[in-house]
C-alpha atoms as a PDB file:
ATOM      1  CA  MET A   1      -1.123 -12.423  20.166  1.00  0.00           C
ATOM      2  CA  ALA A   2      -2.164  -9.136  21.691  1.00  0.00           C
ATOM      3  CA  LEU A   3      -1.753  -5.991  19.651  1.00  0.00           C
ATOM      4  CA  GLU A   4       0.009  -3.871  22.235  1.00  0.00           C
ATOM      5  CA  CYS A   5       0.851  -0.292  21.324  1.00  0.00           C
ATOM      6  CA  ASN A   6       4.516  -0.364  20.303  1.00  0.00           C
ATOM      7  CA  ILE A   7       4.923   2.976  18.493  1.00  0.00           C
ATOM      8  CA  ASP A   8       4.663   6.555  19.667  1.00  0.00           C
ATOM      9  CA  ALA A   9       2.707   9.477  18.197  1.00  0.00           C
ATOM     10  CA  ARG A  10       5.410  10.214  15.592  1.00  0.00           C
ATOM     11  CA  GLY A  11       5.314   6.613  14.396  1.00  0.00           C
ATOM     12  CA  LYS A  12       1.533   6.645  14.213  1.00  0.00           C
ATOM     13  CA  ALA A  13       1.536   9.845  12.159  1.00  0.00           C
ATOM     14  CA  ALA A  14       4.251   8.534   9.835  1.00  0.00           C
ATOM     15  CA  ARG A  15       2.355   5.297   9.155  1.00  0.00           C
ATOM     16  CA  ILE A  16      -0.916   7.095   8.503  1.00  0.00           C
ATOM     17  CA  LYS A  17       0.792   9.530   6.098  1.00  0.00           C
ATOM     18  CA  LEU A  18       2.611   6.696   4.341  1.00  0.00           C
ATOM     19  CA  GLY A  19      -0.575   4.634   4.051  1.00  0.00           C
ATOM     20  CA  THR A  20      -2.580   7.554   2.690  1.00  0.00           C
ATOM     21  CA  THR A  21       0.093   8.295   0.093  1.00  0.00           C
ATOM     22  CA  VAL A  22       0.268   4.658  -1.018  1.00  0.00           C
ATOM     23  CA  VAL A  23      -3.535   4.379  -1.323  1.00  0.00           C
ATOM     24  CA  ILE A  24      -3.615   7.559  -3.434  1.00  0.00           C
ATOM     25  CA  ILE A  25      -0.856   6.159  -5.663  1.00  0.00           C
ATOM     26  CA  GLY A  26      -2.876   2.946  -6.040  1.00  0.00           C
ATOM     27  CA  ILE A  27      -5.953   4.921  -7.059  1.00  0.00           C
ATOM     28  CA  ILE A  28      -3.919   6.944  -9.559  1.00  0.00           C
ATOM     29  CA  LEU A  29      -2.562   3.699 -11.058  1.00  0.00           C
ATOM     30  CA  THR A  30      -6.123   2.403 -11.406  1.00  0.00           C
ATOM     31  CA  ILE A  31      -7.147   5.087 -13.911  1.00  0.00           C
ATOM     32  CA  PRO A  32      -4.835   4.179 -16.835  1.00  0.00           C
ATOM     33  CA  THR A  33      -5.276   0.467 -16.162  1.00  0.00           C
ATOM     34  CA  PHE A  34      -9.073   0.731 -16.165  1.00  0.00           C
ATOM     35  CA  PHE A  35      -9.085   2.602 -19.459  1.00  0.00           C
ATOM     36  CA  SER A  36      -6.526   0.172 -20.995  1.00  0.00           C
ATOM     37  CA  PHE A  37      -3.934   2.878 -21.510  1.00  0.00           C
ATOM     38  CA  PRO A  38      -1.039   0.404 -22.044  1.00  0.00           C
ATOM     39  CA  SER A  39      -2.905  -1.263 -24.920  1.00  0.00           C
ATOM     40  CA  ILE A  40      -3.136   2.096 -26.712  1.00  0.00           C
ATOM     41  CA  LEU A  41       0.662   2.284 -26.763  1.00  0.00           C
ATOM     42  CA  TRP A  42       1.300  -1.360 -27.667  1.00  0.00           C
ATOM     43  CA  ASP A  43      -0.955  -3.274 -30.045  1.00  0.00           C
ATOM     44  CA  ASN A  44       0.028  -6.789 -28.989  1.00  0.00           C
ATOM     45  CA  LEU A  45      -0.006  -6.371 -25.223  1.00  0.00           C
ATOM     46  CA  PRO A  46      -0.663  -9.758 -23.625  1.00  0.00           C
ATOM     47  CA  GLN A  47      -3.649 -10.176 -21.321  1.00  0.00           C
ATOM     48  CA  SER A  48      -1.322 -11.283 -18.536  1.00  0.00           C
ATOM     49  CA  ALA A  49       0.217  -7.783 -18.439  1.00  0.00           C
ATOM     50  CA  THR A  50      -3.170  -6.219 -17.692  1.00  0.00           C
ATOM     51  CA  SER A  51      -3.940  -8.904 -15.114  1.00  0.00           C
ATOM     52  CA  MET A  52      -0.611  -8.299 -13.428  1.00  0.00           C
ATOM     53  CA  SER A  53      -1.363  -4.573 -13.372  1.00  0.00           C
ATOM     54  CA  TRP A  54      -4.556  -5.241 -11.409  1.00  0.00           C
ATOM     55  CA  VAL A  55      -2.686  -7.512  -8.973  1.00  0.00           C
ATOM     56  CA  ILE A  56      -0.101  -4.786  -8.367  1.00  0.00           C
ATOM     57  CA  ILE A  57      -2.822  -2.162  -7.854  1.00  0.00           C
ATOM     58  CA  VAL A  58      -4.756  -4.315  -5.381  1.00  0.00           C
ATOM     59  CA  CYS A  59      -1.575  -5.129  -3.433  1.00  0.00           C
ATOM     60  CA  THR A  60      -0.623  -1.447  -3.365  1.00  0.00           C
ATOM     61  CA  ILE A  61      -3.993  -0.353  -2.022  1.00  0.00           C
ATOM     62  CA  LEU A  62      -4.149  -3.187   0.534  1.00  0.00           C
ATOM     63  CA  GLY A  63      -0.626  -2.352   1.714  1.00  0.00           C
ATOM     64  CA  GLY A  64      -1.589   1.287   2.158  1.00  0.00           C
ATOM     65  CA  LEU A  65      -4.726   0.353   4.057  1.00  0.00           C
ATOM     66  CA  PHE A  66      -2.679  -1.946   6.304  1.00  0.00           C
ATOM     67  CA  SER A  67      -0.272   0.898   7.040  1.00  0.00           C
ATOM     68  CA  ILE A  68      -3.191   3.188   7.936  1.00  0.00           C
ATOM     69  CA  TRP A  69      -4.584   0.465  10.188  1.00  0.00           C
ATOM     70  CA  GLU A  70      -1.181   0.127  11.912  1.00  0.00           C
ATOM     71  CA  GLY A  71      -1.110   3.859  12.532  1.00  0.00           C
ATOM     72  CA  ARG A  72      -4.623   3.901  13.951  1.00  0.00           C
ATOM     73  CA  LYS A  73      -3.945   0.920  16.255  1.00  0.00           C
ATOM     74  CA  GLY A  74      -0.497   2.174  17.300  1.00  0.00           C
ATOM     75  CA  TRP A  75       1.019  -1.178  16.409  1.00  0.00           C
ATOM     76  CA  CYS A  76       3.848  -1.958  14.007  1.00  0.00           C
ATOM     77  CA  ILE A  77       4.353  -5.453  12.598  1.00  0.00           C
ATOM     78  CA  VAL A  78       8.079  -4.851  12.074  1.00  0.00           C
ATOM     79  CA  ARG A  79       8.555  -3.854  15.706  1.00  0.00           C
ATOM     80  CA  ALA A  80       6.419  -6.784  16.815  1.00  0.00           C
ATOM     81  CA  MET A  81       8.922  -9.086  15.077  1.00  0.00           C
ATOM     82  CA  GLY A  82      11.735  -7.576  17.157  1.00  0.00           C
ATOM     83  CA  PHE A  83      13.344  -5.147  14.702  1.00  0.00           C
ATOM     84  CA  LYS A  84      14.175  -1.596  15.766  1.00  0.00           C
ATOM     85  CA  THR A  85      12.841   1.234  13.622  1.00  0.00           C
ATOM     86  CA  LYS A  86      13.847   4.901  13.669  1.00  0.00           C
ATOM     87  CA  ILE A  87      10.292   6.209  13.951  1.00  0.00           C
END
């Protein structure tokens, strides 16, 4: 499957902005999770809650990086599947 350019300059800019915002949000979420902030509020917080927090953070950052990559390549996976997008 060739990654043909299927978005214009507006779409590229929107995906890069979206990806950057999502990566920043992921980094912000890392700080309280790293310092175990939820366990300060709740004494009996299960370990699975902290593990799930890390999974959510990693998925958030990877999703943001994928969006940045889409913007840089000029390719959109949703458009490649045949859906129409506004941008």
